[in-house]
Protein backbone atom coordinates (compact mmCIF):
# COMPACT_ATOMS: atom_id res chain seq x y z
CA MET A 1 -31.55 -16.43 -63.51
CA LYS A 2 -32.95 -17.69 -66.81
CA ASN A 3 -33.99 -21.33 -67.17
CA TRP A 4 -34.02 -21.82 -63.40
CA ASN A 5 -37.16 -23.61 -62.26
CA GLU A 6 -37.34 -22.59 -58.63
CA GLN A 7 -40.52 -24.52 -57.93
CA GLU A 8 -39.15 -27.72 -59.44
CA ILE A 9 -35.90 -27.49 -57.45
CA ARG A 10 -37.75 -26.83 -54.19
CA GLY A 11 -40.00 -29.78 -54.94
CA ASP A 12 -36.99 -32.09 -54.85
CA PHE A 13 -36.57 -31.46 -51.09
CA PRO A 14 -39.22 -33.00 -48.84
CA ILE A 15 -38.36 -30.76 -45.87
CA PHE A 16 -39.69 -27.72 -47.71
CA GLY A 17 -43.09 -29.39 -47.83
CA ARG A 18 -43.29 -29.64 -44.04
CA SER A 19 -46.06 -27.88 -42.20
CA GLY A 20 -45.00 -24.46 -40.97
CA PRO A 21 -42.69 -21.90 -42.57
CA LEU A 22 -38.95 -22.45 -42.86
CA ILE A 23 -36.26 -20.23 -44.35
CA TYR A 24 -33.12 -22.31 -44.01
CA LEU A 25 -29.92 -20.26 -44.15
CA ASP A 26 -27.56 -22.57 -42.26
CA ASN A 27 -26.37 -24.56 -45.25
CA ALA A 28 -22.68 -24.27 -44.34
CA ALA A 29 -23.44 -26.34 -41.24
CA THR A 30 -25.44 -29.01 -43.05
CA ALA A 31 -27.48 -29.09 -46.25
CA GLN A 32 -30.99 -30.38 -46.80
CA ARG A 33 -31.46 -33.70 -48.62
CA PRO A 34 -33.28 -34.19 -51.92
CA ALA A 35 -35.73 -37.06 -52.18
CA CYS A 36 -33.41 -39.06 -54.46
CA VAL A 37 -30.78 -39.17 -51.69
CA LEU A 38 -33.28 -40.30 -49.09
CA GLU A 39 -34.55 -42.92 -51.53
CA ALA A 40 -31.02 -44.20 -52.25
CA GLU A 41 -30.37 -44.82 -48.57
CA ARG A 42 -33.75 -46.49 -48.08
CA SER A 43 -33.25 -48.56 -51.23
CA PHE A 44 -30.01 -49.97 -49.90
CA TYR A 45 -31.67 -51.23 -46.73
CA GLU A 46 -34.77 -52.46 -48.54
CA ASN A 47 -33.07 -54.24 -51.43
CA CYS A 48 -29.52 -55.27 -50.56
CA ASN A 49 -29.03 -55.00 -46.81
CA ALA A 50 -26.03 -57.17 -46.04
CA ASN A 51 -22.56 -56.57 -44.67
CA PRO A 52 -20.43 -55.41 -47.64
CA LEU A 53 -17.11 -57.09 -48.41
CA ARG A 54 -17.97 -60.17 -46.34
CA GLY A 55 -20.89 -62.26 -47.50
CA LEU A 56 -20.15 -64.51 -50.49
CA TYR A 57 -23.82 -64.72 -51.41
CA GLU A 58 -25.95 -62.69 -53.80
CA LEU A 59 -27.23 -60.15 -51.29
CA GLY A 60 -23.77 -59.57 -49.85
CA MET A 61 -22.27 -59.17 -53.28
CA ASP A 62 -24.99 -56.67 -54.22
CA ALA A 63 -24.17 -54.64 -51.11
CA THR A 64 -20.48 -54.74 -51.96
CA GLN A 65 -21.18 -53.66 -55.52
CA ARG A 66 -23.20 -50.63 -54.43
CA TYR A 67 -20.53 -49.64 -51.95
CA GLU A 68 -17.71 -49.88 -54.47
CA ASN A 69 -19.78 -48.14 -57.16
CA ALA A 70 -20.10 -45.22 -54.76
CA ARG A 71 -16.32 -45.17 -54.36
CA LYS A 72 -15.88 -45.04 -58.15
CA THR A 73 -18.33 -42.13 -58.35
CA VAL A 74 -16.44 -40.20 -55.67
CA CYS A 75 -13.20 -40.97 -57.50
CA ARG A 76 -14.62 -39.42 -60.65
CA PHE A 77 -16.16 -36.53 -58.68
CA LEU A 78 -12.71 -35.58 -57.34
CA ASN A 79 -10.79 -36.64 -60.47
CA ALA A 80 -8.62 -38.93 -58.35
CA ALA A 81 -6.20 -41.21 -60.18
CA CYS A 82 -7.88 -44.43 -59.00
CA PRO A 83 -10.63 -45.61 -56.61
CA GLU A 84 -8.00 -46.93 -54.18
CA GLU A 85 -7.26 -43.30 -53.31
CA ILE A 86 -10.79 -42.86 -51.90
CA ILE A 87 -11.30 -43.77 -48.23
CA PHE A 88 -14.77 -43.62 -46.73
CA THR A 89 -14.92 -42.08 -43.25
CA ARG A 90 -17.66 -40.70 -41.02
CA ASN A 91 -16.97 -37.06 -41.84
CA THR A 92 -14.27 -34.45 -42.51
CA THR A 93 -13.16 -34.51 -38.89
CA GLU A 94 -12.46 -38.24 -38.91
CA ALA A 95 -10.68 -38.00 -42.26
CA LEU A 96 -8.35 -35.25 -41.01
CA ASN A 97 -7.65 -37.17 -37.81
CA LEU A 98 -6.81 -40.21 -39.92
CA VAL A 99 -4.08 -38.20 -41.64
CA ALA A 100 -2.83 -36.77 -38.36
CA TYR A 101 -2.55 -40.15 -36.63
CA SER A 102 -1.50 -42.36 -39.54
CA TYR A 103 0.73 -39.94 -41.44
CA ALA A 104 1.85 -37.09 -39.20
CA LEU A 105 2.71 -39.11 -36.07
CA SER A 106 4.92 -41.45 -38.05
CA LYS A 107 6.58 -38.81 -40.26
CA LEU A 108 7.11 -35.68 -38.17
CA ARG A 109 10.24 -35.11 -36.09
CA PRO A 110 11.21 -32.53 -33.46
CA GLY A 111 11.77 -29.15 -35.11
CA ASP A 112 9.67 -29.93 -38.19
CA GLU A 113 7.08 -27.28 -38.93
CA ILE A 114 3.34 -27.74 -39.37
CA LEU A 115 1.78 -24.74 -41.11
CA VAL A 116 -1.93 -24.11 -40.53
CA SER A 117 -3.91 -21.14 -41.80
CA ILE A 118 -5.41 -18.91 -39.10
CA MET A 119 -8.88 -19.33 -40.64
CA GLU A 120 -9.10 -23.10 -40.13
CA HIS A 121 -12.10 -24.86 -38.65
CA HIS A 122 -11.12 -26.57 -35.41
CA SER A 123 -11.29 -29.90 -37.25
CA ASN A 124 -8.28 -28.81 -39.30
CA LEU A 125 -6.42 -27.34 -36.33
CA LEU A 126 -6.80 -29.62 -33.31
CA PRO A 127 -5.36 -32.72 -35.05
CA TRP A 128 -2.21 -30.73 -35.86
CA GLN A 129 -1.97 -29.35 -32.34
CA MET A 130 -2.03 -32.95 -31.15
CA ALA A 131 0.56 -34.04 -33.72
CA ALA A 132 2.89 -31.17 -32.78
CA LYS A 133 2.71 -31.99 -29.08
CA ARG A 134 3.35 -35.69 -29.64
CA THR A 135 6.19 -35.37 -32.14
CA GLY A 136 7.95 -32.18 -31.04
CA ALA A 137 7.06 -30.47 -34.31
CA VAL A 138 6.41 -26.72 -34.29
CA LEU A 139 2.92 -25.43 -35.11
CA LYS A 140 3.00 -22.21 -37.15
CA PHE A 141 0.18 -20.11 -38.57
CA LEU A 142 -0.34 -18.79 -42.05
CA GLU A 143 -1.86 -15.36 -41.43
CA CYS A 144 -4.47 -13.85 -43.70
CA GLU A 145 -5.52 -10.28 -44.35
CA LYS A 146 -8.52 -9.00 -42.41
CA ASP A 147 -10.70 -9.70 -45.46
CA GLY A 148 -9.53 -13.31 -45.56
CA THR A 149 -7.00 -12.97 -48.39
CA LEU A 150 -3.95 -15.24 -48.32
CA THR A 151 -1.43 -13.18 -50.26
CA PRO A 152 1.38 -14.77 -52.32
CA GLU A 153 3.95 -12.92 -50.22
CA CYS A 154 2.45 -14.21 -46.99
CA ILE A 155 2.48 -17.79 -48.31
CA ARG A 156 6.07 -17.53 -49.53
CA GLN A 157 7.25 -16.22 -46.16
CA ALA A 158 5.37 -18.87 -44.18
CA VAL A 159 6.52 -21.95 -46.14
CA THR A 160 10.13 -22.67 -45.17
CA ALA A 161 12.71 -25.41 -45.58
CA ARG A 162 11.47 -26.86 -42.28
CA THR A 163 7.82 -27.04 -43.35
CA ARG A 164 6.69 -30.65 -43.51
CA LEU A 165 2.90 -30.34 -43.54
CA VAL A 166 0.51 -27.58 -44.56
CA ALA A 167 -3.19 -27.67 -43.59
CA VAL A 168 -5.58 -25.28 -45.32
CA ALA A 169 -9.29 -24.94 -46.05
CA HIS A 170 -10.28 -24.85 -49.72
CA ILE A 171 -13.09 -22.44 -48.76
CA SER A 172 -13.23 -20.72 -45.37
CA ASN A 173 -16.39 -21.45 -43.37
CA VAL A 174 -16.28 -17.86 -42.06
CA PHE A 175 -15.17 -15.76 -45.04
CA GLY A 176 -16.48 -17.99 -47.83
CA ARG A 177 -13.35 -17.15 -49.80
CA VAL A 178 -11.74 -19.71 -52.10
CA ASN A 179 -8.13 -20.07 -50.99
CA PRO A 180 -5.21 -20.42 -53.45
CA VAL A 181 -4.64 -24.12 -52.79
CA ARG A 182 -2.72 -24.77 -56.02
CA GLU A 183 -0.24 -21.98 -55.24
CA ILE A 184 0.19 -23.34 -51.72
CA THR A 185 0.84 -26.90 -52.93
CA GLU A 186 3.45 -25.68 -55.41
CA LEU A 187 5.43 -23.86 -52.71
CA ALA A 188 4.99 -26.65 -50.14
CA HIS A 189 6.10 -29.39 -52.52
CA ARG A 190 9.27 -27.49 -53.36
CA GLN A 191 10.18 -27.82 -49.69
CA GLY A 192 9.19 -31.48 -49.50
CA ALA A 193 6.02 -30.81 -47.50
CA VAL A 194 2.60 -32.43 -47.94
CA VAL A 195 -0.64 -30.44 -48.15
CA VAL A 196 -3.87 -31.41 -46.41
CA VAL A 197 -6.99 -29.69 -47.79
CA ASP A 198 -10.24 -29.31 -45.88
CA ALA A 199 -12.85 -29.30 -48.65
CA ALA A 200 -15.91 -29.44 -46.40
CA GLN A 201 -17.16 -26.08 -47.69
CA SER A 202 -15.95 -26.35 -51.27
CA ALA A 203 -17.28 -29.80 -52.20
CA PRO A 204 -20.95 -28.66 -52.21
CA HIS A 205 -20.31 -25.52 -54.28
CA ILE A 206 -17.51 -25.87 -56.82
CA PRO A 207 -15.92 -28.67 -58.88
CA ILE A 208 -12.84 -30.20 -57.24
CA ASP A 209 -9.94 -31.68 -59.20
CA VAL A 210 -7.43 -33.15 -56.76
CA GLN A 211 -4.88 -33.75 -59.51
CA ALA A 212 -5.07 -30.14 -60.71
CA LEU A 213 -4.79 -28.90 -57.12
CA ASP A 214 -2.00 -31.45 -56.55
CA ALA A 215 -3.33 -31.96 -53.03
CA ASP A 216 -1.73 -34.78 -51.08
CA PHE A 217 -4.80 -35.30 -48.91
CA LEU A 218 -8.29 -33.82 -49.18
CA ALA A 219 -11.33 -34.38 -46.98
CA PHE A 220 -15.03 -33.57 -47.13
CA SER A 221 -18.29 -34.49 -45.39
CA GLY A 222 -21.29 -35.98 -47.13
CA HIS A 223 -23.87 -34.11 -45.05
CA LYS A 224 -22.79 -30.71 -46.40
CA LEU A 225 -23.11 -32.19 -49.89
CA MET A 226 -26.76 -33.21 -49.34
CA ALA A 227 -25.87 -36.79 -48.38
CA PRO A 228 -26.71 -38.31 -44.98
CA MET A 229 -24.82 -37.55 -41.81
CA GLY A 230 -22.19 -40.15 -40.97
CA ILE A 231 -20.49 -40.52 -44.34
CA GLY A 232 -17.36 -38.65 -45.39
CA VAL A 233 -14.37 -39.00 -47.67
CA LEU A 234 -10.62 -38.84 -47.43
CA TYR A 235 -8.68 -38.62 -50.67
CA GLY A 236 -4.98 -39.39 -50.47
CA LYS A 237 -2.28 -39.95 -53.04
CA LYS A 238 -1.84 -43.69 -53.40
CA GLU A 239 1.86 -43.76 -52.61
CA LEU A 240 1.28 -41.90 -49.36
CA LEU A 241 -1.65 -44.05 -48.26
CA GLU A 242 0.23 -47.26 -49.03
CA ALA A 243 3.10 -46.21 -46.76
CA MET A 244 0.84 -45.22 -43.85
CA PRO A 245 -0.15 -47.54 -40.98
CA PRO A 246 -3.89 -48.03 -40.44
CA PHE A 247 -5.80 -45.57 -38.29
CA LEU A 248 -8.17 -48.15 -36.80
CA THR A 249 -7.68 -51.90 -36.56
CA GLY A 250 -10.21 -54.72 -36.42
CA GLY A 251 -12.58 -56.41 -38.80
CA GLU A 252 -12.26 -56.32 -42.58
CA MET A 253 -9.03 -54.30 -42.75
CA ILE A 254 -6.81 -57.38 -42.74
CA GLU A 255 -5.58 -60.07 -45.09
CA ARG A 256 -4.48 -62.49 -42.37
CA VAL A 257 -4.25 -62.53 -38.57
CA SER A 258 -2.10 -64.80 -36.43
CA ARG A 259 -1.80 -64.91 -32.66
CA ARG A 260 0.85 -62.20 -32.61
CA ASP A 261 0.74 -60.41 -35.93
CA ALA A 262 -1.42 -59.35 -38.85
CA VAL A 263 -1.10 -58.57 -42.54
CA TYR A 264 -3.25 -55.60 -43.45
CA ALA A 265 -5.56 -55.45 -46.44
CA PRO A 266 -4.53 -53.39 -49.47
CA LEU A 267 -5.99 -49.97 -50.20
CA PRO A 268 -8.56 -48.72 -49.61
CA HIS A 269 -9.82 -51.29 -47.11
CA LYS A 270 -6.77 -50.93 -44.85
CA PHE A 271 -8.36 -47.71 -43.59
CA GLU A 272 -11.98 -48.90 -43.37
CA ALA A 273 -12.10 -51.08 -40.27
CA GLY A 274 -15.36 -52.60 -39.12
CA THR A 275 -18.78 -52.55 -40.72
CA VAL A 276 -18.88 -49.64 -43.13
CA ASN A 277 -21.66 -47.13 -43.81
CA ALA A 278 -22.61 -48.63 -47.15
CA ALA A 279 -26.07 -47.08 -47.22
CA GLY A 280 -24.52 -43.68 -46.58
CA ALA A 281 -22.04 -44.24 -49.39
CA ALA A 282 -24.86 -45.16 -51.78
CA ALA A 283 -26.73 -42.00 -50.76
CA LEU A 284 -23.56 -39.92 -51.21
CA GLU A 285 -23.34 -41.25 -54.76
CA ALA A 286 -26.95 -40.17 -55.32
CA ALA A 287 -26.19 -36.69 -53.96
CA ILE A 288 -23.23 -36.29 -56.30
CA ARG A 289 -25.31 -37.39 -59.29
CA TYR A 290 -28.09 -34.99 -58.28
CA LEU A 291 -25.71 -32.00 -58.14
CA GLU A 292 -24.09 -33.01 -61.41
CA LYS A 293 -27.53 -33.22 -63.04
CA ILE A 294 -28.20 -29.60 -62.06
CA GLY A 295 -24.72 -28.64 -63.29
CA TRP A 296 -21.96 -26.90 -61.36
CA GLU A 297 -22.02 -23.80 -63.52
CA ARG A 298 -25.78 -23.28 -63.07
CA LEU A 299 -25.55 -24.11 -59.39
CA LYS A 300 -22.77 -21.62 -58.75
CA GLN A 301 -24.44 -18.91 -60.79
CA ARG A 302 -27.62 -19.28 -58.77
CA GLU A 303 -25.81 -19.23 -55.44
CA ASP A 304 -23.72 -16.22 -56.46
CA GLU A 305 -26.86 -14.31 -57.48
CA LEU A 306 -28.56 -14.99 -54.16
CA THR A 307 -25.40 -14.23 -52.18
CA VAL A 308 -24.87 -10.90 -53.92
CA GLN A 309 -28.54 -10.03 -53.37
CA ALA A 310 -28.16 -10.70 -49.64
CA PHE A 311 -24.75 -9.02 -49.46
CA GLU A 312 -25.89 -5.81 -51.11
CA GLY A 313 -29.01 -5.69 -48.96
CA MET A 314 -27.06 -6.23 -45.74
CA LYS A 315 -24.70 -3.36 -46.61
CA GLN A 316 -27.69 -1.00 -46.57
CA ILE A 317 -28.74 -1.93 -43.03
CA PRO A 318 -27.29 0.37 -40.33
CA GLY A 319 -25.15 -1.45 -37.79
CA VAL A 320 -24.64 -4.62 -39.84
CA ARG A 321 -20.99 -5.43 -40.54
CA ILE A 322 -20.01 -8.26 -42.90
CA LEU A 323 -16.72 -10.09 -42.38
CA GLY A 324 -14.51 -10.77 -45.39
CA SER A 325 -14.33 -9.44 -48.90
CA ALA A 326 -16.11 -6.27 -50.05
CA ASP A 327 -17.03 -8.22 -53.19
CA GLY A 328 -20.15 -10.31 -52.65
CA THR A 329 -19.15 -12.80 -55.35
CA GLN A 330 -16.15 -13.83 -53.22
CA HIS A 331 -18.27 -15.24 -50.39
CA SER A 332 -19.31 -18.64 -51.85
CA GLY A 333 -22.73 -18.45 -50.21
CA ILE A 334 -21.31 -17.56 -46.76
CA LEU A 335 -22.11 -14.20 -45.14
CA THR A 336 -20.72 -13.89 -41.62
CA PHE A 337 -21.71 -10.71 -39.84
CA THR A 338 -22.20 -8.78 -36.62
CA VAL A 339 -24.89 -6.31 -35.59
CA ASP A 340 -23.72 -3.35 -33.51
CA GLY A 341 -24.77 -3.67 -29.89
CA VAL A 342 -26.53 -7.01 -30.34
CA HIS A 343 -25.08 -10.37 -29.37
CA PRO A 344 -25.10 -12.89 -32.26
CA HIS A 345 -27.22 -15.28 -30.19
CA ASP A 346 -29.87 -12.58 -29.90
CA VAL A 347 -29.63 -11.95 -33.64
CA ALA A 348 -30.26 -15.63 -34.31
CA SER A 349 -33.16 -15.76 -31.84
CA ILE A 350 -34.87 -12.74 -33.39
CA LEU A 351 -34.50 -14.20 -36.87
CA ASP A 352 -35.74 -17.56 -35.61
CA ALA A 353 -38.93 -15.87 -34.41
CA ASP A 354 -39.49 -15.10 -38.10
CA HIS A 355 -38.74 -18.76 -38.96
CA ILE A 356 -35.30 -17.92 -40.40
CA ALA A 357 -32.48 -20.31 -39.45
CA VAL A 358 -28.96 -18.83 -39.23
CA ARG A 359 -25.93 -19.87 -37.23
CA ALA A 360 -24.52 -17.88 -34.29
CA GLY A 361 -21.29 -18.48 -32.38
CA HIS A 362 -17.60 -18.83 -33.16
CA HIS A 363 -18.21 -21.32 -36.01
CA CYS A 364 -15.47 -23.63 -34.68
CA ALA A 365 -12.92 -20.99 -35.69
CA GLN A 366 -11.95 -19.35 -32.40
CA PRO A 367 -8.37 -18.42 -33.39
CA LEU A 368 -9.79 -16.55 -36.39
CA MET A 369 -12.38 -14.81 -34.19
CA ASP A 370 -9.57 -13.72 -31.84
CA TYR A 371 -7.52 -12.49 -34.80
CA LEU A 372 -10.48 -10.45 -36.07
CA GLY A 373 -11.23 -9.06 -32.63
CA VAL A 374 -14.71 -10.55 -32.25
CA SER A 375 -15.91 -13.16 -29.79
CA SER A 376 -18.69 -14.52 -31.96
CA THR A 377 -20.70 -13.72 -35.08
CA ALA A 378 -23.87 -14.63 -36.91
CA ARG A 379 -23.71 -16.43 -40.26
CA ALA A 380 -26.20 -16.79 -43.07
CA SER A 381 -25.21 -19.45 -45.59
CA ILE A 382 -27.02 -19.90 -48.88
CA ALA A 383 -27.70 -22.86 -51.15
CA PHE A 384 -29.13 -23.00 -54.65
CA TYR A 385 -32.53 -24.11 -53.33
CA ASN A 386 -32.98 -20.84 -51.47
CA THR A 387 -35.13 -18.21 -53.15
CA GLU A 388 -35.09 -14.47 -53.78
CA ASN A 389 -38.19 -14.11 -51.59
CA GLU A 390 -36.36 -15.86 -48.76
CA ILE A 391 -33.43 -13.46 -49.07
CA GLN A 392 -35.81 -10.51 -48.96
CA ALA A 393 -37.50 -11.95 -45.87
CA PHE A 394 -34.09 -12.40 -44.22
CA LEU A 395 -33.14 -8.78 -44.98
CA HIS A 396 -36.48 -7.51 -43.67
CA SER A 397 -36.06 -9.44 -40.42
CA LEU A 398 -32.45 -8.34 -40.05
CA ARG A 399 -33.50 -4.69 -40.37
CA GLN A 400 -35.70 -5.12 -37.30
CA VAL A 401 -33.02 -6.60 -35.03
CA ARG A 402 -31.64 -3.40 -33.51
CA ARG A 403 -35.12 -1.89 -33.12
CA LYS A 404 -36.35 -4.99 -31.29
CA MET A 405 -33.34 -4.75 -28.98
CA GLY A 406 -34.28 -1.21 -28.00
CA TYR A 407 -32.22 0.84 -30.42
CA GLY A 408 -33.84 3.66 -32.34
CA GLU A 409 -32.67 2.42 -35.78
């Protein structure tokens, strides 16, 4: 890739300066942090450490300002209509549970249908299982093709007059495929249903425009976006959030409390009970600005190049089978695979001996694994800070897996 300064990019990430080799290919689980993000979190604690939204003194107001500035940046990042539509949470999981408890439990009725794609991470499945059991709603699955495609015909057949909520990943954490969220929202809204989008895998890799997608709710985690662990975001349309009861109750999410009743604070604070992760929010803002400085087009081009390089190399290795599309550009940095005769845990251990970090297991997507007829898989996931030499090292190590397990190949 022209005009890509690999050394400069790598230099932004302190972990790559650690002693000992590291080829990190587990970016779909969590990303590494650039120095500017680490500095933003430290700066909050060093320069304006006070409880936001509470102290009416200079330090407290500085903390509040940083926290709310981060909200405005996330609002712009998602192209939300206003900052009040941005709720800070701990992660994607908490954000999706917020919707399940505050929206679904109060809106769903017996016989209503919840439609969930078969490829969902457990975080975007278990809350809807809970909601169905508690409300009498029916949980249905939107099936995909074996390569991960959600076809227009399949979507049209699955969304019915009884559909009241649709939950779908923007990008699958197994296939890496970008799902047709806009088409899904159009069909769901015609039936009066709301759409909940899990953007945990898409937020680090592609621009997100919630108004263009017309998503009703959308969630992502900061730690996959190079921000600290423990900060996440829920976007929700303002009219929906205003009508929802709070998920958690306690400090700072109230206007007034009497002995027997309370008046809740307006958006967004109604959903942010207790002391908030203001330092994490400030670091999330720094992560967003860092990615924007690189540029989404350059970032995606780099990741696509590395993904295709790995994809094409893996196809040449006997016994390696890649899940999903036959087009490497459709994998969004995610290459989930099996090796004939070798358990994924052994694959990961052999690669780890060569200082290569990949994920092995069911990737919190057991219904999809069952659907595909596999119990577990290995997964290499790529970020823009990876290098061509690292991909070649991964391919070299992967070629040795079957031989090291006693096979002749």
